[in-house]
Amino acid sequence: MSYPAIPTRRGHFWTGALVIFVGGLVLGFIPIIGPFIAGVIGGRIVGNTKGALLAALIPAIAVGLVAILGALAWGPFAAIAGVVAVVIYIFHILALLAGAALGGAL
């Protein structure tokens, strides 16, 4: 007697995006390696490179918009601090994207 095959889903996009977001927050204190590790793990959960890069961009864009809007709303000194924070966050995003691409390719 043969049993029907159990259908499997190849990736979990929103779970991967959540892991990338939370992992980036938790491991963000380790400058480049932390976001890279979060990207690899989240990209591995998503299952493909294109979806992993998109999953890494969603939290990156959301946090970037909040940082820019906060900097614009609180005056010139906060704007300067916000621009510096966004520049630092760009390196964080690049490490997330590199890790997500690698994890999605695995």
N, C-alpha and C. Protein backbone atom coordinates (compact mmCIF):
# COMPACT_ATOMS: atom_id res chain seq x y z
N MET A 1 0.85 -1.17 0.00
CA MET A 1 0.00 0.00 0.00
C MET A 1 0.90 1.24 0.00
N SER A 2 0.61 2.15 -0.89
CA SER A 2 1.42 3.38 -0.93
C SER A 2 0.58 4.54 -0.40
N TYR A 3 1.26 5.40 0.30
CA TYR A 3 0.61 6.57 0.87
C TYR A 3 0.86 7.78 -0.02
N PRO A 4 -0.10 8.71 -0.07
CA PRO A 4 0.13 9.90 -0.90
C PRO A 4 1.23 10.77 -0.30
N ALA A 5 1.93 11.42 -1.17
CA ALA A 5 3.02 12.29 -0.71
C ALA A 5 2.45 13.48 0.04
N ILE A 6 3.13 13.85 1.09
CA ILE A 6 2.72 15.02 1.87
C ILE A 6 3.27 16.26 1.18
N PRO A 7 2.39 17.19 0.80
CA PRO A 7 2.91 18.38 0.14
C PRO A 7 3.72 19.24 1.11
N THR A 8 4.84 19.71 0.64
CA THR A 8 5.69 20.57 1.48
C THR A 8 5.81 21.93 0.84
N ARG A 9 5.92 22.91 1.66
CA ARG A 9 6.10 24.27 1.21
C ARG A 9 7.58 24.59 1.25
N ARG A 10 8.13 25.19 0.20
CA ARG A 10 9.57 25.38 0.12
C ARG A 10 10.07 26.47 1.03
N GLY A 11 9.34 27.49 1.28
CA GLY A 11 9.85 28.57 2.10
C GLY A 11 8.73 29.26 2.86
N HIS A 12 9.11 29.96 3.88
CA HIS A 12 8.17 30.72 4.69
C HIS A 12 8.65 32.17 4.70
N PHE A 13 8.06 32.96 3.79
CA PHE A 13 8.52 34.32 3.57
C PHE A 13 8.40 35.18 4.82
N TRP A 14 7.22 35.24 5.42
CA TRP A 14 7.01 36.14 6.55
C TRP A 14 7.76 35.68 7.79
N THR A 15 7.92 34.38 7.96
CA THR A 15 8.73 33.89 9.08
C THR A 15 10.19 34.30 8.88
N GLY A 16 10.68 34.18 7.65
CA GLY A 16 12.04 34.61 7.36
C GLY A 16 12.23 36.10 7.57
N ALA A 17 11.24 36.91 7.14
CA ALA A 17 11.32 38.36 7.34
C ALA A 17 11.33 38.70 8.82
N LEU A 18 10.52 37.99 9.61
CA LEU A 18 10.50 38.23 11.05
C LEU A 18 11.82 37.84 11.69
N VAL A 19 12.39 36.72 11.27
CA VAL A 19 13.68 36.29 11.81
C VAL A 19 14.77 37.29 11.44
N ILE A 20 14.75 37.80 10.22
CA ILE A 20 15.73 38.80 9.81
C ILE A 20 15.58 40.06 10.65
N PHE A 21 14.35 40.50 10.88
CA PHE A 21 14.13 41.72 11.65
C PHE A 21 14.57 41.54 13.11
N VAL A 22 14.08 40.50 13.75
CA VAL A 22 14.41 40.28 15.16
C VAL A 22 15.89 39.93 15.32
N GLY A 23 16.41 39.11 14.42
CA GLY A 23 17.83 38.77 14.48
C GLY A 23 18.72 39.98 14.27
N GLY A 24 18.31 40.88 13.39
CA GLY A 24 19.06 42.12 13.20
C GLY A 24 19.05 42.99 14.43
N LEU A 25 17.94 43.01 15.15
CA LEU A 25 17.87 43.77 16.40
C LEU A 25 18.71 43.13 17.50
N VAL A 26 18.59 41.82 17.63
CA VAL A 26 19.28 41.11 18.71
C VAL A 26 20.78 41.08 18.47
N LEU A 27 21.20 40.82 17.24
CA LEU A 27 22.62 40.70 16.93
C LEU A 27 23.22 41.99 16.38
N GLY A 28 22.46 43.08 16.41
CA GLY A 28 22.93 44.34 15.85
C GLY A 28 24.11 44.95 16.56
N PHE A 29 24.38 44.52 17.79
CA PHE A 29 25.51 45.09 18.52
C PHE A 29 26.85 44.56 18.00
N ILE A 30 26.84 43.46 17.24
CA ILE A 30 28.05 42.96 16.60
C ILE A 30 28.10 43.61 15.22
N PRO A 31 29.04 44.53 14.96
CA PRO A 31 28.93 45.43 13.82
C PRO A 31 28.54 44.84 12.47
N ILE A 32 29.28 44.02 11.83
CA ILE A 32 28.92 43.53 10.50
C ILE A 32 28.46 42.07 10.56
N ILE A 33 29.06 41.32 11.44
CA ILE A 33 28.81 39.88 11.49
C ILE A 33 27.41 39.56 12.01
N GLY A 34 26.90 40.34 12.97
CA GLY A 34 25.58 40.08 13.54
C GLY A 34 24.46 40.15 12.51
N PRO A 35 24.34 41.26 11.76
CA PRO A 35 23.30 41.31 10.73
C PRO A 35 23.51 40.27 9.63
N PHE A 36 24.78 39.96 9.34
CA PHE A 36 25.06 38.95 8.33
C PHE A 36 24.51 37.59 8.76
N ILE A 37 24.74 37.24 10.03
CA ILE A 37 24.23 35.97 10.56
C ILE A 37 22.70 35.95 10.53
N ALA A 38 22.08 37.06 10.93
CA ALA A 38 20.61 37.15 10.90
C ALA A 38 20.09 37.00 9.48
N GLY A 39 20.78 37.59 8.51
CA GLY A 39 20.38 37.46 7.11
C GLY A 39 20.51 36.05 6.60
N VAL A 40 21.60 35.37 6.98
CA VAL A 40 21.79 33.98 6.53
C VAL A 40 20.69 33.09 7.08
N ILE A 41 20.40 33.23 8.36
CA ILE A 41 19.37 32.38 8.98
C ILE A 41 17.99 32.68 8.37
N GLY A 42 17.65 33.95 8.26
CA GLY A 42 16.35 34.31 7.67
C GLY A 42 16.26 33.93 6.21
N GLY A 43 17.35 34.10 5.45
CA GLY A 43 17.36 33.71 4.05
C GLY A 43 17.21 32.22 3.87
N ARG A 44 17.80 31.47 4.78
CA ARG A 44 17.67 30.00 4.75
C ARG A 44 16.21 29.59 5.00
N ILE A 45 15.53 30.32 5.88
CA ILE A 45 14.13 30.02 6.16
C ILE A 45 13.25 30.34 4.95
N VAL A 46 13.55 31.46 4.28
CA VAL A 46 12.75 31.84 3.11
C VAL A 46 12.93 30.81 2.00
N GLY A 47 14.15 30.41 1.74
CA GLY A 47 14.35 29.31 0.81
C GLY A 47 14.83 29.66 -0.58
N ASN A 48 14.75 30.91 -1.00
CA ASN A 48 15.29 31.30 -2.30
C ASN A 48 15.89 32.70 -2.20
N THR A 49 16.79 33.00 -3.13
CA THR A 49 17.54 34.25 -3.03
C THR A 49 16.66 35.47 -3.23
N LYS A 50 15.79 35.45 -4.22
CA LYS A 50 14.93 36.61 -4.51
C LYS A 50 14.01 36.92 -3.33
N GLY A 51 13.37 35.91 -2.79
CA GLY A 51 12.49 36.10 -1.64
C GLY A 51 13.25 36.53 -0.40
N ALA A 52 14.48 36.02 -0.23
CA ALA A 52 15.29 36.38 0.93
C ALA A 52 15.70 37.85 0.86
N LEU A 53 16.07 38.31 -0.32
CA LEU A 53 16.44 39.73 -0.45
C LEU A 53 15.23 40.63 -0.20
N LEU A 54 14.07 40.23 -0.69
CA LEU A 54 12.86 41.01 -0.43
C LEU A 54 12.51 41.00 1.06
N ALA A 55 12.66 39.83 1.69
CA ALA A 55 12.38 39.73 3.13
C ALA A 55 13.35 40.58 3.94
N ALA A 56 14.57 40.76 3.49
CA ALA A 56 15.54 41.60 4.19
C ALA A 56 15.26 43.08 3.94
N LEU A 57 14.69 43.41 2.79
CA LEU A 57 14.42 44.82 2.49
C LEU A 57 13.21 45.37 3.21
N ILE A 58 12.23 44.54 3.50
CA ILE A 58 11.01 45.02 4.15
C ILE A 58 11.30 45.65 5.52
N PRO A 59 11.97 44.95 6.45
CA PRO A 59 12.27 45.60 7.73
C PRO A 59 13.28 46.73 7.58
N ALA A 60 14.19 46.63 6.61
CA ALA A 60 15.18 47.67 6.42
C ALA A 60 14.53 48.98 5.99
N ILE A 61 13.59 48.90 5.08
CA ILE A 61 12.89 50.10 4.61
C ILE A 61 12.03 50.68 5.73
N ALA A 62 11.35 49.84 6.48
CA ALA A 62 10.50 50.32 7.56
C ALA A 62 11.31 51.07 8.62
N VAL A 63 12.40 50.50 9.06
CA VAL A 63 13.22 51.15 10.10
C VAL A 63 13.89 52.40 9.54
N GLY A 64 14.31 52.35 8.29
CA GLY A 64 14.91 53.53 7.67
C GLY A 64 13.94 54.69 7.57
N LEU A 65 12.70 54.41 7.20
CA LEU A 65 11.69 55.47 7.12
C LEU A 65 11.40 56.08 8.49
N VAL A 66 11.32 55.24 9.50
CA VAL A 66 11.09 55.75 10.86
C VAL A 66 12.25 56.64 11.29
N ALA A 67 13.47 56.24 10.99
CA ALA A 67 14.64 57.04 11.37
C ALA A 67 14.65 58.39 10.64
N ILE A 68 14.35 58.36 9.35
CA ILE A 68 14.35 59.62 8.58
C ILE A 68 13.23 60.54 9.03
N LEU A 69 12.03 60.02 9.23
CA LEU A 69 10.91 60.86 9.67
C LEU A 69 11.16 61.42 11.07
N GLY A 70 11.74 60.62 11.95
CA GLY A 70 12.07 61.11 13.29
C GLY A 70 13.12 62.21 13.25
N ALA A 71 14.10 62.07 12.37
CA ALA A 71 15.14 63.08 12.26
C ALA A 71 14.57 64.40 11.71
N LEU A 72 13.65 64.30 10.78
CA LEU A 72 13.07 65.52 10.20
C LEU A 72 12.13 66.22 11.17
N ALA A 73 11.54 65.48 12.08
CA ALA A 73 10.54 66.08 12.97
C ALA A 73 11.14 66.74 14.20
N TRP A 74 12.40 66.46 14.54
CA TRP A 74 12.94 66.93 15.81
C TRP A 74 14.01 68.00 15.72
N GLY A 75 14.11 68.71 14.64
CA GLY A 75 15.02 69.84 14.56
C GLY A 75 16.37 69.51 13.96
N PRO A 76 17.23 70.54 13.86
CA PRO A 76 18.49 70.39 13.12
C PRO A 76 19.50 69.44 13.79
N PHE A 77 19.63 69.49 15.12
CA PHE A 77 20.60 68.62 15.77
C PHE A 77 20.17 67.16 15.68
N ALA A 78 18.89 66.92 15.83
CA ALA A 78 18.37 65.57 15.69
C ALA A 78 18.47 65.11 14.24
N ALA A 79 18.34 66.04 13.30
CA ALA A 79 18.48 65.69 11.90
C ALA A 79 19.89 65.22 11.59
N ILE A 80 20.87 65.88 12.15
CA ILE A 80 22.27 65.47 11.96
C ILE A 80 22.49 64.09 12.57
N ALA A 81 21.99 63.90 13.78
CA ALA A 81 22.13 62.59 14.43
C ALA A 81 21.38 61.53 13.64
N GLY A 82 20.23 61.88 13.09
CA GLY A 82 19.47 60.93 12.29
C GLY A 82 20.18 60.55 11.01
N VAL A 83 20.82 61.51 10.38
CA VAL A 83 21.57 61.21 9.15
C VAL A 83 22.75 60.29 9.46
N VAL A 84 23.44 60.54 10.57
CA VAL A 84 24.54 59.66 10.98
C VAL A 84 24.02 58.26 11.27
N ALA A 85 22.88 58.18 11.94
CA ALA A 85 22.29 56.87 12.23
C ALA A 85 21.89 56.14 10.95
N VAL A 86 21.37 56.86 9.98
CA VAL A 86 20.98 56.24 8.71
C VAL A 86 22.21 55.74 7.96
N VAL A 87 23.30 56.51 8.00
CA VAL A 87 24.53 56.06 7.34
C VAL A 87 25.06 54.79 7.99
N ILE A 88 25.02 54.72 9.31
CA ILE A 88 25.44 53.50 10.01
C ILE A 88 24.49 52.36 9.67
N TYR A 89 23.20 52.66 9.59
CA TYR A 89 22.21 51.64 9.30
C TYR A 89 22.35 51.09 7.88
N ILE A 90 22.90 51.88 6.97
CA ILE A 90 23.13 51.41 5.61
C ILE A 90 24.09 50.22 5.62
N PHE A 91 25.14 50.30 6.45
CA PHE A 91 26.07 49.17 6.56
C PHE A 91 25.37 47.95 7.15
N HIS A 92 24.47 48.19 8.08
CA HIS A 92 23.67 47.12 8.67
C HIS A 92 22.82 46.46 7.59
N ILE A 93 22.19 47.26 6.75
CA ILE A 93 21.34 46.75 5.68
C ILE A 93 22.16 45.94 4.68
N LEU A 94 23.34 46.46 4.32
CA LEU A 94 24.17 45.75 3.35
C LEU A 94 24.59 44.38 3.89
N ALA A 95 24.92 44.31 5.18
CA ALA A 95 25.27 43.01 5.77
C ALA A 95 24.06 42.09 5.79
N LEU A 96 22.87 42.63 6.11
CA LEU A 96 21.65 41.82 6.07
C LEU A 96 21.39 41.27 4.67
N LEU A 97 21.54 42.12 3.67
CA LEU A 97 21.27 41.69 2.30
C LEU A 97 22.28 40.64 1.83
N ALA A 98 23.55 40.83 2.18
CA ALA A 98 24.56 39.84 1.80
C ALA A 98 24.27 38.50 2.48
N GLY A 99 23.93 38.54 3.75
CA GLY A 99 23.60 37.31 4.46
C GLY A 99 22.34 36.65 3.92
N ALA A 100 21.35 37.47 3.58
CA ALA A 100 20.09 36.92 3.04
C ALA A 100 20.33 36.28 1.68
N ALA A 101 21.16 36.90 0.86
CA ALA A 101 21.47 36.32 -0.45
C ALA A 101 22.18 34.98 -0.29
N LEU A 102 23.13 34.92 0.63
CA LEU A 102 23.84 33.66 0.87
C LEU A 102 22.90 32.60 1.45
N GLY A 103 22.09 32.99 2.44
CA GLY A 103 21.16 32.04 3.04
C GLY A 103 20.11 31.56 2.07
N GLY A 104 19.63 32.44 1.20
CA GLY A 104 18.65 32.03 0.21
C GLY A 104 19.23 31.10 -0.84
N ALA A 105 20.52 31.27 -1.12
CA ALA A 105 21.16 30.40 -2.10
C ALA A 105 21.46 29.01 -1.54
N LEU A 106 21.57 28.91 -0.23
CA LEU A 106 21.86 27.60 0.36
C LEU A 106 20.70 26.72 0.19
